[in-house]
Protein backbone atom coordinates (compact mmCIF):
# COMPACT_ATOMS: atom_id res chain seq x y z
CA MET A 1 0.01 -0.08 -0.01
CA LYS A 2 2.89 2.36 0.80
CA ALA A 3 4.47 1.56 -2.57
CA THR A 4 1.04 2.34 -4.27
CA MET A 5 0.76 5.63 -2.49
CA ALA A 6 4.31 6.60 -3.08
CA ALA A 7 3.81 5.83 -6.86
CA LEU A 8 0.55 7.80 -6.72
CA ALA A 9 2.37 10.73 -5.20
CA LEU A 10 5.02 10.50 -7.59
CA ALA A 11 2.70 10.33 -10.48
CA LEU A 12 0.58 13.20 -9.02
CA ALA A 13 3.65 15.26 -8.62
CA ALA A 14 4.77 14.54 -12.38
CA SER A 15 1.23 15.23 -13.69
CA THR A 16 0.89 18.21 -11.77
CA SER A 17 4.28 19.44 -12.31
CA THR A 18 2.75 22.20 -14.77
CA VAL A 19 0.62 23.11 -11.76
CA SER A 20 3.26 23.62 -9.07
CA ALA A 21 6.85 22.51 -9.63
CA GLN A 22 7.27 24.17 -13.06
CA PRO A 23 5.86 27.35 -14.01
CA VAL A 24 2.48 27.18 -15.74
CA ARG A 25 2.38 28.73 -18.99
CA TRP A 26 -0.83 30.96 -19.47
CA THR A 27 -2.43 32.71 -22.30
CA LYS A 28 -5.68 34.43 -22.75
CA TYR A 29 -8.33 32.30 -24.42
CA THR A 30 -10.98 34.31 -26.04
CA ILE A 31 -14.22 33.42 -27.96
CA PRO A 32 -14.31 35.97 -30.84
CA GLN A 33 -18.23 35.66 -31.43
CA THR A 34 -18.94 36.55 -27.80
CA GLY A 35 -16.01 38.16 -26.29
CA THR A 36 -15.73 35.48 -23.60
CA ALA A 37 -12.30 35.59 -22.32
CA VAL A 38 -10.37 33.40 -19.54
CA ASP A 39 -6.88 32.98 -18.52
CA PHE A 40 -5.95 29.60 -19.95
CA PRO A 41 -3.24 27.23 -18.67
CA VAL A 42 -1.97 26.10 -22.17
CA SER A 43 0.92 23.94 -20.49
CA ILE A 44 -1.92 21.86 -18.84
CA PHE A 45 -4.68 21.59 -21.13
CA THR A 46 -2.96 20.64 -24.39
CA GLU A 47 -5.48 18.74 -26.20
CA GLU A 48 -8.46 19.98 -27.92
CA ALA A 49 -11.64 17.84 -27.24
CA GLY A 50 -14.42 19.15 -29.21
CA ARG A 51 -17.01 21.93 -28.96
CA PRO A 52 -19.60 22.60 -26.50
CA ASP A 53 -23.11 23.96 -27.08
CA GLY A 54 -23.19 27.40 -28.17
CA TYR A 55 -19.53 28.70 -28.65
CA GLY A 56 -16.39 27.66 -27.29
CA GLN A 57 -13.95 25.09 -27.05
CA ARG A 58 -13.49 21.76 -24.86
CA PHE A 59 -9.80 20.85 -23.79
CA ARG A 60 -8.25 17.85 -21.89
CA THR A 61 -4.85 17.21 -20.61
CA ALA A 62 -2.58 14.92 -22.54
CA ASP A 63 -3.36 12.04 -20.22
CA GLY A 64 -7.27 12.55 -20.12
CA ARG A 65 -7.13 12.84 -16.33
CA ALA A 66 -8.78 16.41 -16.45
CA ASP A 67 -10.80 18.41 -18.82
CA LEU A 68 -11.98 22.17 -19.21
CA THR A 69 -14.66 23.64 -21.28
CA ILE A 70 -14.77 27.30 -22.20
CA GLN A 71 -18.05 28.36 -23.44
CA ALA A 72 -20.44 31.06 -24.14
CA ALA A 73 -24.24 30.30 -24.79
CA PRO A 74 -27.33 32.55 -25.20
CA ASN A 75 -29.46 33.09 -22.06
CA LEU A 76 -32.64 32.86 -24.30
CA GLU A 77 -34.94 33.17 -21.18
CA ASN A 78 -33.04 35.92 -19.69
CA ASP A 79 -32.69 33.86 -16.43
CA SER A 80 -30.83 35.15 -13.40
CA PRO A 81 -27.76 33.11 -12.44
CA ALA A 82 -29.99 31.46 -9.60
CA ALA A 83 -32.64 30.46 -11.91
CA PHE A 84 -30.26 29.22 -14.65
CA LEU A 85 -28.41 27.04 -12.13
CA ALA A 86 -31.73 25.66 -10.85
CA LYS A 87 -32.88 24.54 -14.40
CA LYS A 88 -29.29 22.57 -14.77
CA HIS A 89 -30.39 20.47 -11.77
CA PRO A 90 -27.24 20.63 -9.85
CA PRO A 91 -26.42 17.70 -7.45
CA SER A 92 -28.09 18.09 -4.00
CA ARG A 93 -24.76 17.67 -2.25
CA ILE A 94 -22.62 20.70 -3.66
CA GLN A 95 -19.57 21.36 -1.55
CA TYR A 96 -19.30 24.87 -2.70
CA LYS A 97 -22.14 27.24 -4.04
CA ARG A 98 -21.93 31.10 -4.66
CA VAL A 99 -24.74 32.86 -6.38
CA THR A 100 -24.98 36.42 -7.10
CA SER A 101 -26.90 38.77 -9.49
CA ARG A 102 -24.05 38.41 -11.81
CA PHE A 103 -22.50 34.87 -11.62
CA PHE A 104 -22.66 31.60 -9.94
CA ALA A 105 -19.86 29.16 -9.18
CA VAL A 106 -20.57 25.70 -7.86
CA SER A 107 -18.13 22.75 -6.94
CA SER A 108 -18.57 19.09 -5.82
CA TYR A 109 -17.57 15.60 -6.22
CA LYS A 110 -18.76 13.46 -9.07
CA GLY A 111 -17.37 10.00 -8.88
CA ASP A 112 -13.48 10.32 -8.50
CA LYS A 113 -13.75 13.87 -9.94
CA VAL A 114 -14.09 17.31 -8.46
CA PHE A 115 -16.28 19.54 -10.78
CA TYR A 116 -16.09 23.31 -10.71
CA ASP A 117 -18.36 25.50 -12.87
CA ARG A 118 -18.57 29.26 -12.89
CA CYS A 119 -20.76 31.01 -15.22
CA ASN A 120 -20.86 34.90 -15.55
CA PHE A 121 -24.10 36.54 -17.00
CA SER A 122 -23.92 39.59 -19.18
CA GLY A 123 -26.75 40.73 -21.58
CA ARG A 124 -28.31 37.81 -23.20
CA LEU A 125 -25.14 35.54 -22.86
CA VAL A 126 -23.80 33.24 -20.24
CA HIS A 127 -19.78 32.90 -20.23
CA CYS A 128 -18.69 29.80 -18.42
CA VAL A 129 -15.87 27.77 -17.48
CA LEU A 130 -16.09 24.14 -16.59
CA ILE A 131 -13.26 21.93 -15.08
CA ASN A 132 -13.13 18.51 -13.94
CA TYR A 133 -10.04 16.75 -12.39
CA PRO A 134 -9.09 13.91 -10.08
CA ALA A 135 -10.27 14.48 -6.46
CA GLU A 136 -6.92 13.05 -5.14
CA GLU A 137 -5.31 16.14 -6.98
CA GLU A 138 -7.76 18.55 -5.68
CA HIS A 139 -5.35 20.71 -3.58
CA ALA A 140 -2.81 20.83 -6.34
CA TRP A 141 -5.35 22.45 -8.56
CA ASP A 142 -6.68 25.14 -6.32
CA ASP A 143 -4.56 28.02 -7.79
CA VAL A 144 -5.33 26.96 -11.51
CA VAL A 145 -8.95 26.61 -10.83
CA THR A 146 -9.06 30.16 -8.82
CA ARG A 147 -7.11 31.91 -11.54
CA MET A 148 -9.28 30.84 -14.40
CA SER A 149 -12.55 31.42 -12.25
CA LEU A 150 -11.61 35.12 -11.45
CA SER A 151 -10.27 35.96 -14.98
CA LEU A 152 -13.55 34.78 -16.67
CA SER A 153 -15.05 37.74 -18.35
CA GLY A 154 -17.43 38.44 -21.31
CA LYS A 155 -19.18 41.38 -23.07
């Protein structure tokens, strides 16, 4: 068991080296059609993984252990953040939830993953960043998730 934990710790250190040991390379990712912008860790999410609904891009780590969606979608019913979130039927046991008149942020566990979703509301658009990563790496991801969340903006 100790060998397994040591191997896991070593793998975690190697896989999150872009998060902690080596400087993370960041750039600004922008969705041209909507003006959605977010600081994007290009040294972590290196693979494109398809398109979400609305506008944007999905990404994943090279080993597939984490994924990220940056998207903007129309808010056709002009829902408030609270109403929009309620329509998504989030799990009842959310670990973190903050809802204001301009955004919501929620986080919890789904299986062996942590999910973090933040959506900002402006005009008739919802600008979102959605991140899923291994629960055993939760603390290693804190700074990355925080920077992305706080940098999210849109017109």
